[in-house]
Structure formats: structure tokens, C-alpha cells
Amino acid sequence: MAKTRAIIAAIGALVLLTAVLTPGPAGAEPFRLGISTWVGYGPFFLARKKGYFKEEGLELDLVKVE
């Protein structure tokens, strides 16, 4: 029984390791975020204007939805 658990644990670790080590996409695609013009979403627009998203390496495209 202990041998079976060890094998299952090893297979699980291998699967997790494979998932973590696979390379990501070559180029970053812009992230689209549909957002309302409600005043509570103002910080998103302000952060984009001040360049906070680009500082973090995120290309954000805010799409106004009404």
C-alpha cells in the first residue's frame, strides 16, 4: 500500500512539475477588460493613465460597456 501511494505521489509531482515548467506564450497579448463608466471604476482608468499596468508588464485594453 505504501508503494502505491509513493508511485501516485511521484506521478502527481511529475504532472505538477510539467505544468509549471511549460513555457508561456512568446508575445504578450493585450488583456481586454470590459468596464462600465460607473464612477466606482475610476481607479482603472486612472491607473491606465498613470502607466501602472505597463509598469507591471500588463498591456490592458479597457473597453467601455454601457
PDB file of N, CA and C in Angstrom:
ATOM      1  N   MET A   1       0.819  -1.192   0.000  1.00  0.00           N
ATOM      2  CA  MET A   1       0.000   0.000   0.000  1.00  0.00           C
ATOM      3  C   MET A   1       0.869   1.265   0.000  1.00  0.00           C
ATOM      4  N   ALA A   2       1.950   1.236   0.754  1.00  0.00           N
ATOM      5  CA  ALA A   2       2.835   2.394   0.822  1.00  0.00           C
ATOM      6  C   ALA A   2       3.523   2.623  -0.526  1.00  0.00           C
ATOM      7  N   LYS A   3       3.826   1.524  -1.211  1.00  0.00           N
ATOM      8  CA  LYS A   3       4.484   1.645  -2.515  1.00  0.00           C
ATOM      9  C   LYS A   3       3.538   2.292  -3.531  1.00  0.00           C
ATOM     10  N   THR A   4       2.255   1.943  -3.474  1.00  0.00           N
ATOM     11  CA  THR A   4       1.262   2.527  -4.377  1.00  0.00           C
ATOM     12  C   THR A   4       1.115   4.023  -4.120  1.00  0.00           C
ATOM     13  N   ARG A   5       1.089   4.404  -2.857  1.00  0.00           N
ATOM     14  CA  ARG A   5       0.988   5.834  -2.519  1.00  0.00           C
ATOM     15  C   ARG A   5       2.208   6.600  -3.010  1.00  0.00           C
ATOM     16  N   ALA A   6       3.372   6.005  -2.879  1.00  0.00           N
ATOM     17  CA  ALA A   6       4.595   6.661  -3.334  1.00  0.00           C
ATOM     18  C   ALA A   6       4.575   6.848  -4.848  1.00  0.00           C
ATOM     19  N   ILE A   7       4.102   5.853  -5.563  1.00  0.00           N
ATOM     20  CA  ILE A   7       4.020   5.953  -7.028  1.00  0.00           C
ATOM     21  C   ILE A   7       3.020   7.030  -7.429  1.00  0.00           C
ATOM     22  N   ILE A   8       1.865   7.063  -6.774  1.00  0.00           N
ATOM     23  CA  ILE A   8       0.848   8.079  -7.081  1.00  0.00           C
ATOM     24  C   ILE A   8       1.380   9.474  -6.762  1.00  0.00           C
ATOM     25  N   ALA A   9       2.084   9.617  -5.644  1.00  0.00           N
ATOM     26  CA  ALA A   9       2.663  10.912  -5.277  1.00  0.00           C
ATOM     27  C   ALA A   9       3.714  11.345  -6.293  1.00  0.00           C
ATOM     28  N   ALA A  10       4.527  10.410  -6.761  1.00  0.00           N
ATOM     29  CA  ALA A  10       5.554  10.735  -7.750  1.00  0.00           C
ATOM     30  C   ALA A  10       4.925  11.157  -9.070  1.00  0.00           C
ATOM     31  N   ILE A  11       3.883  10.464  -9.486  1.00  0.00           N
ATOM     32  CA  ILE A  11       3.190  10.830 -10.728  1.00  0.00           C
ATOM     33  C   ILE A  11       2.550  12.205 -10.583  1.00  0.00           C
ATOM     34  N   GLY A  12       1.924  12.465  -9.440  1.00  0.00           N
ATOM     35  CA  GLY A  12       1.317  13.775  -9.199  1.00  0.00           C
ATOM     36  C   GLY A  12       2.351  14.888  -9.218  1.00  0.00           C
ATOM     37  N   ALA A  13       3.506  14.645  -8.594  1.00  0.00           N
ATOM     38  CA  ALA A  13       4.575  15.643  -8.592  1.00  0.00           C
ATOM     39  C   ALA A  13       5.094  15.885 -10.000  1.00  0.00           C
ATOM     40  N   LEU A  14       5.207  14.835 -10.782  1.00  0.00           N
ATOM     41  CA  LEU A  14       5.675  14.967 -12.162  1.00  0.00           C
ATOM     42  C   LEU A  14       4.695  15.779 -13.001  1.00  0.00           C
ATOM     43  N   VAL A  15       3.406  15.541 -12.815  1.00  0.00           N
ATOM     44  CA  VAL A  15       2.384  16.297 -13.549  1.00  0.00           C
ATOM     45  C   VAL A  15       2.440  17.772 -13.164  1.00  0.00           C
ATOM     46  N   LEU A  16       2.539  18.060 -11.868  1.00  0.00           N
ATOM     47  CA  LEU A  16       2.621  19.454 -11.424  1.00  0.00           C
ATOM     48  C   LEU A  16       3.883  20.128 -11.934  1.00  0.00           C
ATOM     49  N   LEU A  17       4.990  19.431 -11.906  1.00  0.00           N
ATOM     50  CA  LEU A  17       6.246  19.983 -12.392  1.00  0.00           C
ATOM     51  C   LEU A  17       6.173  20.281 -13.883  1.00  0.00           C
ATOM     52  N   THR A  18       5.556  19.401 -14.635  1.00  0.00           N
ATOM     53  CA  THR A  18       5.389  19.620 -16.074  1.00  0.00           C
ATOM     54  C   THR A  18       4.521  20.839 -16.342  1.00  0.00           C
ATOM     55  N   ALA A  19       3.468  21.009 -15.557  1.00  0.00           N
ATOM     56  CA  ALA A  19       2.577  22.152 -15.747  1.00  0.00           C
ATOM     57  C   ALA A  19       3.281  23.462 -15.424  1.00  0.00           C
ATOM     58  N   VAL A  20       4.135  23.457 -14.425  1.00  0.00           N
ATOM     59  CA  VAL A  20       4.821  24.677 -14.015  1.00  0.00           C
ATOM     60  C   VAL A  20       5.936  25.042 -14.985  1.00  0.00           C
ATOM     61  N   LEU A  21       6.626  24.069 -15.516  1.00  0.00           N
ATOM     62  CA  LEU A  21       7.801  24.333 -16.336  1.00  0.00           C
ATOM     63  C   LEU A  21       7.519  24.514 -17.821  1.00  0.00           C
ATOM     64  N   THR A  22       6.283  24.378 -18.248  1.00  0.00           N
ATOM     65  CA  THR A  22       5.998  24.595 -19.664  1.00  0.00           C
ATOM     66  C   THR A  22       6.115  26.080 -19.978  1.00  0.00           C
ATOM     67  N   PRO A  23       6.736  26.429 -21.097  1.00  0.00           N
ATOM     68  CA  PRO A  23       6.918  27.842 -21.429  1.00  0.00           C
ATOM     69  C   PRO A  23       5.594  28.512 -21.772  1.00  0.00           C
ATOM     70  N   GLY A  24       5.534  29.792 -21.493  1.00  0.00           N
ATOM     71  CA  GLY A  24       4.340  30.574 -21.794  1.00  0.00           C
ATOM     72  C   GLY A  24       4.349  31.036 -23.234  1.00  0.00           C
ATOM     73  N   PRO A  25       3.398  31.860 -23.613  1.00  0.00           N
ATOM     74  CA  PRO A  25       3.341  32.365 -24.985  1.00  0.00           C
ATOM     75  C   PRO A  25       4.530  33.267 -25.288  1.00  0.00           C
ATOM     76  N   ALA A  26       4.911  33.302 -26.554  1.00  0.00           N
ATOM     77  CA  ALA A  26       6.084  34.067 -26.966  1.00  0.00           C
ATOM     78  C   ALA A  26       5.885  35.567 -26.776  1.00  0.00           C
ATOM     79  N   GLY A  27       4.743  36.090 -27.170  1.00  0.00           N
ATOM     80  CA  GLY A  27       4.493  37.518 -27.045  1.00  0.00           C
ATOM     81  C   GLY A  27       3.273  37.774 -26.190  1.00  0.00           C
ATOM     82  N   ALA A  28       3.331  38.849 -25.447  1.00  0.00           N
ATOM     83  CA  ALA A  28       2.196  39.177 -24.581  1.00  0.00           C
ATOM     84  C   ALA A  28       1.072  39.798 -25.407  1.00  0.00           C
ATOM     85  N   GLU A  29      -0.106  39.254 -25.257  1.00  0.00           N
ATOM     86  CA  GLU A  29      -1.266  39.810 -25.940  1.00  0.00           C
ATOM     87  C   GLU A  29      -1.958  40.784 -25.000  1.00  0.00           C
ATOM     88  N   PRO A  30      -2.571  41.823 -25.548  1.00  0.00           N
ATOM     89  CA  PRO A  30      -3.273  42.765 -24.671  1.00  0.00           C
ATOM     90  C   PRO A  30      -4.445  42.094 -23.968  1.00  0.00           C
ATOM     91  N   PHE A  31      -4.639  42.471 -22.725  1.00  0.00           N
ATOM     92  CA  PHE A  31      -5.720  41.944 -21.907  1.00  0.00           C
ATOM     93  C   PHE A  31      -6.898  42.886 -22.040  1.00  0.00           C
ATOM     94  N   ARG A  32      -8.030  42.393 -22.509  1.00  0.00           N
ATOM     95  CA  ARG A  32      -9.226  43.228 -22.672  1.00  0.00           C
ATOM     96  C   ARG A  32     -10.102  43.115 -21.443  1.00  0.00           C
ATOM     97  N   LEU A  33     -10.512  44.270 -20.932  1.00  0.00           N
ATOM     98  CA  LEU A  33     -11.369  44.308 -19.760  1.00  0.00           C
ATOM     99  C   LEU A  33     -12.568  45.179 -20.079  1.00  0.00           C
ATOM    100  N   GLY A  34     -13.748  44.572 -20.133  1.00  0.00           N
ATOM    101  CA  GLY A  34     -14.979  45.327 -20.355  1.00  0.00           C
ATOM    102  C   GLY A  34     -15.383  46.004 -19.061  1.00  0.00           C
ATOM    103  N   ILE A  35     -15.590  47.301 -19.118  1.00  0.00           N
ATOM    104  CA  ILE A  35     -15.828  48.066 -17.902  1.00  0.00           C
ATOM    105  C   ILE A  35     -16.898  49.119 -18.146  1.00  0.00           C
ATOM    106  N   SER A  36     -17.699  49.360 -17.141  1.00  0.00           N
ATOM    107  CA  SER A  36     -18.764  50.357 -17.216  1.00  0.00           C
ATOM    108  C   SER A  36     -18.179  51.742 -16.941  1.00  0.00           C
ATOM    109  N   THR A  37     -18.940  52.762 -17.236  1.00  0.00           N
ATOM    110  CA  THR A  37     -18.477  54.125 -16.965  1.00  0.00           C
ATOM    111  C   THR A  37     -18.898  54.587 -15.576  1.00  0.00           C
ATOM    112  N   TRP A  38     -19.309  53.670 -14.720  1.00  0.00           N
ATOM    113  CA  TRP A  38     -19.668  53.994 -13.347  1.00  0.00           C
ATOM    114  C   TRP A  38     -18.458  54.593 -12.630  1.00  0.00           C
ATOM    115  N   VAL A  39     -18.694  55.583 -11.802  1.00  0.00           N
ATOM    116  CA  VAL A  39     -17.611  56.313 -11.144  1.00  0.00           C
ATOM    117  C   VAL A  39     -16.747  55.409 -10.260  1.00  0.00           C
ATOM    118  N   GLY A  40     -17.283  54.313  -9.776  1.00  0.00           N
ATOM    119  CA  GLY A  40     -16.521  53.388  -8.938  1.00  0.00           C
ATOM    120  C   GLY A  40     -15.397  52.685  -9.677  1.00  0.00           C
ATOM    121  N   TYR A  41     -15.450  52.665 -11.003  1.00  0.00           N
ATOM    122  CA  TYR A  41     -14.391  52.050 -11.795  1.00  0.00           C
ATOM    123  C   TYR A  41     -13.328  53.061 -12.203  1.00  0.00           C
ATOM    124  N   GLY A  42     -13.409  54.252 -11.676  1.00  0.00           N
ATOM    125  CA  GLY A  42     -12.437  55.301 -11.984  1.00  0.00           C
ATOM    126  C   GLY A  42     -10.990  54.909 -11.752  1.00  0.00           C
ATOM    127  N   PRO A  43     -10.674  54.158 -10.696  1.00  0.00           N
ATOM    128  CA  PRO A  43      -9.277  53.777 -10.476  1.00  0.00           C
ATOM    129  C   PRO A  43      -8.654  52.983 -11.629  1.00  0.00           C
ATOM    130  N   PHE A  44      -9.451  52.211 -12.366  1.00  0.00           N
ATOM    131  CA  PHE A  44      -8.908  51.502 -13.528  1.00  0.00           C
ATOM    132  C   PHE A  44      -8.428  52.489 -14.589  1.00  0.00           C
ATOM    133  N   PHE A  45      -9.240  53.506 -14.851  1.00  0.00           N
ATOM    134  CA  PHE A  45      -8.874  54.499 -15.853  1.00  0.00           C
ATOM    135  C   PHE A  45      -7.672  55.323 -15.391  1.00  0.00           C
ATOM    136  N   LEU A  46      -7.638  55.670 -14.114  1.00  0.00           N
ATOM    137  CA  LEU A  46      -6.528  56.438 -13.562  1.00  0.00           C
ATOM    138  C   LEU A  46      -5.231  55.627 -13.601  1.00  0.00           C
ATOM    139  N   ALA A  47      -5.314  54.359 -13.239  1.00  0.00           N
ATOM    140  CA  ALA A  47      -4.124  53.502 -13.256  1.00  0.00           C
ATOM    141  C   ALA A  47      -3.585  53.338 -14.673  1.00  0.00           C
ATOM    142  N   ARG A  48      -4.476  53.229 -15.640  1.00  0.00           N
ATOM    143  CA  ARG A  48      -4.021  53.120 -17.034  1.00  0.00           C
ATOM    144  C   ARG A  48      -3.356  54.414 -17.468  1.00  0.00           C
ATOM    145  N   LYS A  49      -3.950  55.552 -17.092  1.00  0.00           N
ATOM    146  CA  LYS A  49      -3.401  56.850 -17.483  1.00  0.00           C
ATOM    147  C   LYS A  49      -2.023  57.077 -16.862  1.00  0.00           C
ATOM    148  N   LYS A  50      -1.828  56.637 -15.623  1.00  0.00           N
ATOM    149  CA  LYS A  50      -0.550  56.826 -14.937  1.00  0.00           C
ATOM    150  C   LYS A  50       0.485  55.764 -15.323  1.00  0.00           C
ATOM    151  N   GLY A  51       0.067  54.747 -16.077  1.00  0.00           N
ATOM    152  CA  GLY A  51       1.001  53.740 -16.559  1.00  0.00           C
ATOM    153  C   GLY A  51       1.302  52.624 -15.576  1.00  0.00           C
ATOM    154  N   TYR A  52       0.449  52.428 -14.580  1.00  0.00           N
ATOM    155  CA  TYR A  52       0.689  51.382 -13.588  1.00  0.00           C
ATOM    156  C   TYR A  52       0.642  49.986 -14.205  1.00  0.00           C
ATOM    157  N   PHE A  53      -0.236  49.775 -15.162  1.00  0.00           N
ATOM    158  CA  PHE A  53      -0.348  48.452 -15.773  1.00  0.00           C
ATOM    159  C   PHE A  53       0.899  48.126 -16.588  1.00  0.00           C
ATOM    160  N   LYS A  54       1.428  49.108 -17.304  1.00  0.00           N
ATOM    161  CA  LYS A  54       2.631  48.877 -18.108  1.00  0.00           C
ATOM    162  C   LYS A  54       3.844  48.631 -17.226  1.00  0.00           C
ATOM    163  N   GLU A  55       3.888  49.273 -16.052  1.00  0.00           N
ATOM    164  CA  GLU A  55       4.990  49.034 -15.118  1.00  0.00           C
ATOM    165  C   GLU A  55       5.033  47.576 -14.681  1.00  0.00           C
ATOM    166  N   GLU A  56       3.869  46.966 -14.589  1.00  0.00           N
ATOM    167  CA  GLU A  56       3.780  45.569 -14.168  1.00  0.00           C
ATOM    168  C   GLU A  56       3.844  44.602 -15.347  1.00  0.00           C
ATOM    169  N   GLY A  57       4.058  45.124 -16.552  1.00  0.00           N
ATOM    170  CA  GLY A  57       4.175  44.273 -17.729  1.00  0.00           C
ATOM    171  C   GLY A  57       2.852  43.790 -18.279  1.00  0.00           C
ATOM    172  N   LEU A  58       1.782  44.513 -17.989  1.00  0.00           N
ATOM    173  CA  LEU A  58       0.452  44.118 -18.440  1.00  0.00           C
ATOM    174  C   LEU A  58      -0.069  45.154 -19.422  1.00  0.00           C
ATOM    175  N   GLU A  59      -0.366  44.705 -20.627  1.00  0.00           N
ATOM    176  CA  GLU A  59      -0.947  45.598 -21.626  1.00  0.00           C
ATOM    177  C   GLU A  59      -2.460  45.471 -21.527  1.00  0.00           C
ATOM    178  N   LEU A  60      -3.097  46.494 -20.985  1.00  0.00           N
ATOM    179  CA  LEU A  60      -4.525  46.454 -20.703  1.00  0.00           C
ATOM    180  C   LEU A  60      -5.281  47.308 -21.703  1.00  0.00           C
ATOM    181  N   ASP A  61      -6.349  46.747 -22.235  1.00  0.00           N
ATOM    182  CA  ASP A  61      -7.233  47.461 -23.145  1.00  0.00           C
ATOM    183  C   ASP A  61      -8.594  47.564 -22.462  1.00  0.00           C
ATOM    184  N   LEU A  62      -8.918  48.746 -21.938  1.00  0.00           N
ATOM    185  CA  LEU A  62     -10.206  48.945 -21.277  1.00  0.00           C
ATOM    186  C   LEU A  62     -11.265  49.243 -22.322  1.00  0.00           C
ATOM    187  N   VAL A  63     -12.305  48.438 -22.355  1.00  0.00           N
ATOM    188  CA  VAL A  63     -13.396  48.599 -23.305  1.00  0.00           C
ATOM    189  C   VAL A  63     -14.613  49.077 -22.532  1.00  0.00           C
ATOM    190  N   LYS A  64     -15.118  50.253 -22.891  1.00  0.00           N
ATOM    191  CA  LYS A  64     -16.282  50.801 -22.202  1.00  0.00           C
ATOM    192  C   LYS A  64     -17.542  50.067 -22.643  1.00  0.00           C
ATOM    193  N   VAL A  65     -18.284  49.579 -21.664  1.00  0.00           N
ATOM    194  CA  VAL A  65     -19.530  48.863 -21.911  1.00  0.00           C
ATOM    195  C   VAL A  65     -20.642  49.633 -21.232  1.00  0.00           C
ATOM    196  N   GLU A  66     -21.662  49.975 -21.993  1.00  0.00           N
ATOM    197  CA  GLU A  66     -22.777  50.725 -21.407  1.00  0.00           C
ATOM    198  C   GLU A  66     -24.077  50.002 -21.605  1.00  0.00           C
TER     199      GLU A  66
END
